Amino acid sequence: MTEFLLSVHVLVAIVTVGSITVAASMFPRVALRAFGSGGGDGDGSSAAGEGRDGRSEGTGTAVLLHRVCTGYAVAGVVVPVFGIATGAQLGVLTDAWLIVSLVLTVAAAALLGLAVLPGQRRLLALAEGAAAEEEARPVASRLSMTTGMFNVLWAVVVVLMIVRPGSTTGA
């Protein structure tokens, strides 16, 4: 049973958290494309062509990336549930590495729900409104920094799950 719980925990973590980290990291740059030259390749050309729904290419892609982040955030609730179940099976729920991992997981989830996703919505609202790129750039910069912090938290959790400092379970 432990192998099943651990397998589900790891697979869901890879699929959900991996998808969120990639999509959230891409989002600010892609969203800036909706403003014209903001997301170009540095040559001054605009990548903001019109899509079928009347949105710019950058806005349409940003909406998709936001949906990925939101959808996988909901599905990602399974990760700590199966992680705690696995920890209970292994008898390590009181080990420091697991407690720290859980605290960092809660911090990452809070950062995602309270800063990253709202920041994405804010940037989308600016892109779909009549805002200027100058107004959106600081929002995108802040969002990039917050997303980077989210990604670092998950990287630390992964390292703790692999190294398990102080563990006596034979890892």
C-alpha atoms as a PDB file:
ATOM      1  CA  MET A   1       0.000   0.000   0.000  1.00  0.00           C
ATOM      2  CA  THR A   2       2.891   2.362   0.760  1.00  0.00           C
ATOM      3  CA  GLU A   3       4.232   1.938  -2.771  1.00  0.00           C
ATOM      4  CA  PHE A   4       0.823   2.832  -4.237  1.00  0.00           C
ATOM      5  CA  LEU A   5       0.460   5.939  -2.058  1.00  0.00           C
ATOM      6  CA  LEU A   6       4.003   7.067  -2.803  1.00  0.00           C
ATOM      7  CA  SER A   7       3.550   6.456  -6.543  1.00  0.00           C
ATOM      8  CA  VAL A   8       0.359   8.519  -6.689  1.00  0.00           C
ATOM      9  CA  HIS A   9       1.972  11.247  -4.572  1.00  0.00           C
ATOM     10  CA  VAL A  10       5.033  11.502  -6.839  1.00  0.00           C
ATOM     11  CA  LEU A  11       3.127  11.214 -10.138  1.00  0.00           C
ATOM     12  CA  VAL A  12       0.546  13.829  -9.202  1.00  0.00           C
ATOM     13  CA  ALA A  13       3.304  16.118  -7.884  1.00  0.00           C
ATOM     14  CA  ILE A  14       5.212  15.859 -11.153  1.00  0.00           C
ATOM     15  CA  VAL A  15       2.153  16.472 -13.319  1.00  0.00           C
ATOM     16  CA  THR A  16       0.495  19.223 -11.280  1.00  0.00           C
ATOM     17  CA  VAL A  17       3.338  21.134  -9.677  1.00  0.00           C
ATOM     18  CA  GLY A  18       5.532  20.727 -12.748  1.00  0.00           C
ATOM     19  CA  SER A  19       2.803  22.117 -14.987  1.00  0.00           C
ATOM     20  CA  ILE A  20       2.149  25.032 -12.650  1.00  0.00           C
ATOM     21  CA  THR A  21       5.822  25.972 -12.368  1.00  0.00           C
ATOM     22  CA  VAL A  22       6.300  25.970 -16.142  1.00  0.00           C
ATOM     23  CA  ALA A  23       3.042  27.773 -16.975  1.00  0.00           C
ATOM     24  CA  ALA A  24       3.419  30.335 -14.187  1.00  0.00           C
ATOM     25  CA  SER A  25       7.022  31.044 -15.182  1.00  0.00           C
ATOM     26  CA  MET A  26       6.017  31.640 -18.808  1.00  0.00           C
ATOM     27  CA  PHE A  27       2.970  33.757 -17.962  1.00  0.00           C
ATOM     28  CA  PRO A  28       4.439  37.249 -17.307  1.00  0.00           C
ATOM     29  CA  ARG A  29       6.464  37.356 -20.528  1.00  0.00           C
ATOM     30  CA  VAL A  30       3.604  35.980 -22.612  1.00  0.00           C
ATOM     31  CA  ALA A  31       1.096  38.381 -21.049  1.00  0.00           C
ATOM     32  CA  LEU A  32       3.336  41.337 -21.890  1.00  0.00           C
ATOM     33  CA  ARG A  33       3.093  40.342 -25.568  1.00  0.00           C
ATOM     34  CA  ALA A  34      -0.492  41.571 -25.458  1.00  0.00           C
ATOM     35  CA  PHE A  35       0.876  45.092 -25.050  1.00  0.00           C
ATOM     36  CA  GLY A  36       2.875  45.035 -28.262  1.00  0.00           C
ATOM     37  CA  SER A  37       6.648  44.987 -28.054  1.00  0.00           C
ATOM     38  CA  GLY A  38       6.747  43.919 -24.383  1.00  0.00           C
ATOM     39  CA  GLY A  39       7.118  40.242 -25.065  1.00  0.00           C
ATOM     40  CA  GLY A  40       9.020  40.345 -28.319  1.00  0.00           C
ATOM     41  CA  ASP A  41      12.444  38.906 -28.859  1.00  0.00           C
ATOM     42  CA  GLY A  42      14.236  42.195 -28.298  1.00  0.00           C
ATOM     43  CA  ASP A  43      14.157  43.259 -31.950  1.00  0.00           C
ATOM     44  CA  GLY A  44      11.286  45.695 -31.415  1.00  0.00           C
ATOM     45  CA  SER A  45       8.834  43.576 -33.369  1.00  0.00           C
ATOM     46  CA  SER A  46       5.416  42.837 -31.967  1.00  0.00           C
ATOM     47  CA  ALA A  47       4.274  39.283 -31.374  1.00  0.00           C
ATOM     48  CA  ALA A  48       0.712  40.384 -30.700  1.00  0.00           C
ATOM     49  CA  GLY A  49      -1.219  39.127 -33.708  1.00  0.00           C
ATOM     50  CA  GLU A  50      -5.002  38.842 -33.586  1.00  0.00           C
ATOM     51  CA  GLY A  51      -6.473  35.478 -32.656  1.00  0.00           C
ATOM     52  CA  ARG A  52      -9.828  34.015 -33.710  1.00  0.00           C
ATOM     53  CA  ASP A  53     -11.581  35.373 -30.607  1.00  0.00           C
ATOM     54  CA  GLY A  54     -10.384  38.954 -31.202  1.00  0.00           C
ATOM     55  CA  ARG A  55      -7.779  38.757 -28.453  1.00  0.00           C
ATOM     56  CA  SER A  56      -4.143  39.368 -29.160  1.00  0.00           C
ATOM     57  CA  GLU A  57      -1.969  36.275 -29.438  1.00  0.00           C
ATOM     58  CA  GLY A  58      -0.250  37.142 -26.147  1.00  0.00           C
ATOM     59  CA  THR A  59      -3.534  37.567 -24.301  1.00  0.00           C
ATOM     60  CA  GLY A  60      -4.973  34.294 -25.619  1.00  0.00           C
ATOM     61  CA  THR A  61      -1.863  32.349 -24.647  1.00  0.00           C
ATOM     62  CA  ALA A  62      -1.752  34.063 -21.245  1.00  0.00           C
ATOM     63  CA  VAL A  63      -5.377  33.103 -20.625  1.00  0.00           C
ATOM     64  CA  LEU A  64      -4.482  29.494 -21.435  1.00  0.00           C
ATOM     65  CA  LEU A  65      -1.457  29.564 -19.104  1.00  0.00           C
ATOM     66  CA  HIS A  66      -3.627  31.037 -16.323  1.00  0.00           C
ATOM     67  CA  ARG A  67      -6.173  28.241 -16.829  1.00  0.00           C
ATOM     68  CA  VAL A  68      -3.386  25.673 -16.589  1.00  0.00           C
ATOM     69  CA  CYS A  69      -2.175  27.207 -13.323  1.00  0.00           C
ATOM     70  CA  THR A  70      -5.674  27.419 -11.859  1.00  0.00           C
ATOM     71  CA  GLY A  71      -6.778  23.948 -12.936  1.00  0.00           C
ATOM     72  CA  TYR A  72      -3.635  22.201 -11.798  1.00  0.00           C
ATOM     73  CA  ALA A  73      -3.656  24.143  -8.510  1.00  0.00           C
ATOM     74  CA  VAL A  74      -7.024  22.567  -7.718  1.00  0.00           C
ATOM     75  CA  ALA A  75      -5.811  19.113  -8.770  1.00  0.00           C
ATOM     76  CA  GLY A  76      -2.600  19.662  -6.797  1.00  0.00           C
ATOM     77  CA  VAL A  77      -4.505  19.324  -3.515  1.00  0.00           C
ATOM     78  CA  VAL A  78      -4.057  15.581  -4.021  1.00  0.00           C
ATOM     79  CA  VAL A  79      -0.261  15.923  -3.604  1.00  0.00           C
ATOM     80  CA  PRO A  80      -0.173  16.688   0.148  1.00  0.00           C
ATOM     81  CA  VAL A  81      -3.106  14.356   0.806  1.00  0.00           C
ATOM     82  CA  PHE A  82      -1.224  11.376  -0.616  1.00  0.00           C
ATOM     83  CA  GLY A  83       2.031  12.683   0.878  1.00  0.00           C
ATOM     84  CA  ILE A  84       0.555  12.703   4.372  1.00  0.00           C
ATOM     85  CA  ALA A  85      -0.963   9.251   3.800  1.00  0.00           C
ATOM     86  CA  THR A  86       2.439   7.968   2.669  1.00  0.00           C
ATOM     87  CA  GLY A  87       4.140   9.568   5.676  1.00  0.00           C
ATOM     88  CA  ALA A  88       1.631   7.929   7.998  1.00  0.00           C
ATOM     89  CA  GLN A  89       2.272   4.529   6.390  1.00  0.00           C
ATOM     90  CA  LEU A  90       6.023   5.008   6.821  1.00  0.00           C
ATOM     91  CA  GLY A  91       5.649   6.315  10.370  1.00  0.00           C
ATOM     92  CA  VAL A  92       7.541   9.545   9.628  1.00  0.00           C
ATOM     93  CA  LEU A  93       4.844  12.174  10.252  1.00  0.00           C
ATOM     94  CA  THR A  94       6.809  13.616  13.175  1.00  0.00           C
ATOM     95  CA  ASP A  95      10.177  13.703  11.363  1.00  0.00           C
ATOM     96  CA  ALA A  96      11.596  17.203  10.998  1.00  0.00           C
ATOM     97  CA  TRP A  97      12.164  16.913   7.214  1.00  0.00           C
ATOM     98  CA  LEU A  98       8.509  16.045   6.657  1.00  0.00           C
ATOM     99  CA  ILE A  99       7.212  18.786   8.930  1.00  0.00           C
ATOM    100  CA  VAL A 100       9.422  21.359   7.187  1.00  0.00           C
ATOM    101  CA  SER A 101       8.244  20.027   3.806  1.00  0.00           C
ATOM    102  CA  LEU A 102       4.611  20.403   4.861  1.00  0.00           C
ATOM    103  CA  VAL A 103       5.194  23.945   6.114  1.00  0.00           C
ATOM    104  CA  LEU A 104       6.927  24.865   2.833  1.00  0.00           C
ATOM    105  CA  THR A 105       4.097  23.210   0.870  1.00  0.00           C
ATOM    106  CA  VAL A 106       1.543  25.330   2.733  1.00  0.00           C
ATOM    107  CA  ALA A 107       3.680  28.425   2.097  1.00  0.00           C
ATOM    108  CA  ALA A 108       3.913  27.582  -1.620  1.00  0.00           C
ATOM    109  CA  ALA A 109       0.155  26.979  -1.836  1.00  0.00           C
ATOM    110  CA  ALA A 110      -0.530  30.272  -0.063  1.00  0.00           C
ATOM    111  CA  LEU A 111       1.862  32.101  -2.379  1.00  0.00           C
ATOM    112  CA  LEU A 112       0.159  30.546  -5.394  1.00  0.00           C
ATOM    113  CA  GLY A 113      -3.370  31.286  -4.200  1.00  0.00           C
ATOM    114  CA  LEU A 114      -2.758  34.702  -2.674  1.00  0.00           C
ATOM    115  CA  ALA A 115      -0.137  36.212  -4.974  1.00  0.00           C
ATOM    116  CA  VAL A 116       0.608  34.306  -8.199  1.00  0.00           C
ATOM    117  CA  LEU A 117      -2.935  33.597  -9.420  1.00  0.00           C
ATOM    118  CA  PRO A 118      -4.276  37.049  -8.425  1.00  0.00           C
ATOM    119  CA  GLY A 119      -1.204  38.629 -10.071  1.00  0.00           C
ATOM    120  CA  GLN A 120      -1.974  36.730 -13.250  1.00  0.00           C
ATOM    121  CA  ARG A 121      -5.599  37.907 -13.145  1.00  0.00           C
ATOM    122  CA  ARG A 122      -4.416  41.499 -12.602  1.00  0.00           C
ATOM    123  CA  LEU A 123      -2.076  41.317 -15.573  1.00  0.00           C
ATOM    124  CA  LEU A 124      -4.808  39.757 -17.735  1.00  0.00           C
ATOM    125  CA  ALA A 125      -7.211  42.541 -16.753  1.00  0.00           C
ATOM    126  CA  LEU A 126      -4.610  45.128 -17.774  1.00  0.00           C
ATOM    127  CA  ALA A 127      -4.009  43.301 -21.075  1.00  0.00           C
ATOM    128  CA  GLU A 128      -7.698  43.074 -21.887  1.00  0.00           C
ATOM    129  CA  GLY A 129      -8.339  46.666 -20.817  1.00  0.00           C
ATOM    130  CA  ALA A 130      -6.838  49.775 -22.308  1.00  0.00           C
ATOM    131  CA  ALA A 131      -3.790  49.843 -20.041  1.00  0.00           C
ATOM    132  CA  ALA A 132      -0.397  50.860 -21.328  1.00  0.00           C
ATOM    133  CA  GLU A 133       2.606  48.567 -21.271  1.00  0.00           C
ATOM    134  CA  GLU A 134       4.295  50.901 -18.767  1.00  0.00           C
ATOM    135  CA  GLU A 135       1.476  50.163 -16.324  1.00  0.00           C
ATOM    136  CA  ALA A 136       1.740  46.395 -16.850  1.00  0.00           C
ATOM    137  CA  ARG A 137       5.527  46.022 -16.703  1.00  0.00           C
ATOM    138  CA  PRO A 138       5.855  46.489 -12.885  1.00  0.00           C
ATOM    139  CA  VAL A 139       2.984  44.046 -12.333  1.00  0.00           C
ATOM    140  CA  ALA A 140       4.710  41.500 -14.591  1.00  0.00           C
ATOM    141  CA  SER A 141       8.046  42.023 -12.812  1.00  0.00           C
ATOM    142  CA  ARG A 142       6.481  41.511  -9.397  1.00  0.00           C
ATOM    143  CA  LEU A 143       4.656  38.442 -10.691  1.00  0.00           C
ATOM    144  CA  SER A 144       7.903  37.011 -12.082  1.00  0.00           C
ATOM    145  CA  MET A 145       9.581  37.457  -8.705  1.00  0.00           C
ATOM    146  CA  THR A 146       6.673  35.892  -6.823  1.00  0.00           C
ATOM    147  CA  THR A 147       6.544  32.977  -9.240  1.00  0.00           C
ATOM    148  CA  GLY A 148      10.280  32.466  -8.774  1.00  0.00           C
ATOM    149  CA  MET A 149       9.787  32.304  -5.002  1.00  0.00           C
ATOM    150  CA  PHE A 150       7.003  29.739  -5.520  1.00  0.00           C
ATOM    151  CA  ASN A 151       9.336  27.664  -7.700  1.00  0.00           C
ATOM    152  CA  VAL A 152      12.179  27.841  -5.159  1.00  0.00           C
ATOM    153  CA  LEU A 153       9.861  26.666  -2.383  1.00  0.00           C
ATOM    154  CA  TRP A 154       8.940  23.622  -4.452  1.00  0.00           C
ATOM    155  CA  ALA A 155      12.566  22.940  -5.309  1.00  0.00           C
ATOM    156  CA  VAL A 156      13.421  22.910  -1.589  1.00  0.00           C
ATOM    157  CA  VAL A 157      10.498  20.553  -0.900  1.00  0.00           C
ATOM    158  CA  VAL A 158      11.740  18.181  -3.614  1.00  0.00           C
ATOM    159  CA  VAL A 159      15.259  18.186  -2.163  1.00  0.00           C
ATOM    160  CA  LEU A 160      13.882  17.514   1.325  1.00  0.00           C
ATOM    161  CA  MET A 161      11.785  14.632  -0.020  1.00  0.00           C
ATOM    162  CA  ILE A 162      14.832  13.068  -1.680  1.00  0.00           C
ATOM    163  CA  VAL A 163      17.509  13.726   0.955  1.00  0.00           C
ATOM    164  CA  ARG A 164      15.271  13.342   4.034  1.00  0.00           C
ATOM    165  CA  PRO A 165      17.847  14.731   6.480  1.00  0.00           C
ATOM    166  CA  GLY A 166      17.869  12.859   9.778  1.00  0.00           C
ATOM    167  CA  SER A 167      15.584  10.126   8.464  1.00  0.00           C
ATOM    168  CA  THR A 168      16.037   6.642   9.830  1.00  0.00           C
ATOM    169  CA  THR A 169      13.868   4.920   7.204  1.00  0.00           C
ATOM    170  CA  GLY A 170      16.866   3.721   5.241  1.00  0.00           C
ATOM    171  CA  ALA A 171      16.826   6.191   2.358  1.00  0.00           C
END
